[in-house]
Amino acid sequence: MEQVNIALRPDKCGVIFEKLDGDLVFGTVDPDRDEYPHIMGQVNNFNRSGANVVLVKNGITSVYPLDGVSNESVLARIK
């Protein structure tokens, strides 16, 4: 089993990540928190492992697609 950094627990990092399928991860970001020091590191880890990432905070969506994948094609998969 892979060890996960304790700082990535939802109550610590402010994000709940959900794997929607083999290459798509959706994250809901706590709207009451302003700083997320570990989020981009985890997004990069997901990308390196072959997953596109979508984060939503206060209704604002940010997409972190794999190289060669468009934001639109990622977003079409979560609607």
Protein backbone atom coordinates (compact mmCIF):
# COMPACT_ATOMS: atom_id res chain seq x y z
CA MET A 1 0.00 0.00 0.00
CA GLU A 2 1.29 3.47 -0.90
CA GLN A 3 1.94 5.85 1.99
CA VAL A 4 0.04 9.13 1.76
CA ASN A 5 1.34 12.34 3.27
CA ILE A 6 -0.71 13.15 6.40
CA ALA A 7 -0.96 16.76 5.17
CA LEU A 8 -3.19 15.49 2.33
CA ARG A 9 -5.99 14.38 4.63
CA PRO A 10 -9.11 16.37 3.67
CA ASP A 11 -9.30 18.01 7.09
CA LYS A 12 -5.67 19.12 6.75
CA CYS A 13 -5.41 20.12 3.07
CA GLY A 14 -8.95 21.37 2.50
CA VAL A 15 -9.70 19.22 -0.54
CA ILE A 16 -11.69 16.05 -1.01
CA PHE A 17 -10.34 14.17 -4.03
CA GLU A 18 -12.51 11.59 -5.78
CA LYS A 19 -11.34 9.30 -8.56
CA LEU A 20 -14.16 9.31 -11.12
CA ASP A 21 -12.55 6.75 -13.41
CA GLY A 22 -9.13 5.50 -14.45
CA ASP A 23 -7.79 8.86 -15.59
CA LEU A 24 -10.00 11.51 -14.03
CA VAL A 25 -9.77 12.93 -10.50
CA PHE A 26 -12.26 15.50 -9.18
CA GLY A 27 -11.44 17.68 -6.18
CA THR A 28 -13.86 19.74 -4.12
CA VAL A 29 -11.97 22.56 -2.41
CA ASP A 30 -13.09 23.90 0.97
CA PRO A 31 -14.50 27.38 0.25
CA ASP A 32 -13.55 28.66 3.70
CA ARG A 33 -9.82 28.06 3.35
CA ASP A 34 -7.44 30.40 1.60
CA GLU A 35 -4.19 28.44 1.60
CA TYR A 36 -3.62 25.00 0.16
CA PRO A 37 0.12 24.33 0.27
CA HIS A 38 -0.06 20.68 -0.75
CA ILE A 39 -2.77 20.78 -3.41
CA MET A 40 -0.62 21.57 -6.44
CA GLY A 41 1.89 18.93 -5.43
CA GLN A 42 -0.93 16.37 -5.32
CA VAL A 43 -2.35 17.62 -8.64
CA ASN A 44 1.10 17.14 -10.18
CA ASN A 45 1.29 13.64 -8.67
CA PHE A 46 -2.08 12.77 -10.21
CA ASN A 47 -0.93 14.12 -13.60
CA ARG A 48 2.32 12.13 -13.40
CA SER A 49 0.30 9.01 -12.66
CA GLY A 50 -1.79 9.60 -15.82
CA ALA A 51 -4.86 11.36 -14.44
CA ASN A 52 -6.55 14.58 -15.51
CA VAL A 53 -7.60 16.71 -12.53
CA VAL A 54 -10.56 19.05 -12.03
CA LEU A 55 -10.79 21.26 -8.93
CA VAL A 56 -13.87 23.23 -7.93
CA LYS A 57 -13.98 25.99 -5.32
CA ASN A 58 -16.93 28.35 -4.85
CA GLY A 59 -18.32 27.34 -8.25
CA ILE A 60 -15.06 28.15 -10.03
CA THR A 61 -13.59 25.24 -11.95
CA SER A 62 -9.89 24.75 -12.63
CA VAL A 63 -8.73 22.02 -15.01
CA TYR A 64 -5.30 20.40 -14.97
CA PRO A 65 -5.30 18.12 -18.02
CA LEU A 66 -2.63 15.76 -19.20
CA ASP A 67 -0.45 16.95 -22.07
CA GLY A 68 -2.41 16.86 -25.32
CA VAL A 69 -5.81 16.75 -23.59
CA SER A 70 -8.10 19.77 -23.85
CA ASN A 71 -9.88 21.35 -20.90
CA GLU A 72 -13.15 20.95 -22.79
CA SER A 73 -12.77 17.19 -23.24
CA VAL A 74 -12.04 16.77 -19.52
CA LEU A 75 -14.99 18.92 -18.47
CA ALA A 76 -17.35 17.07 -20.84
CA ARG A 77 -16.69 13.90 -18.84
CA ILE A 78 -17.95 15.34 -15.53
CA LYS A 79 -21.20 16.90 -16.70
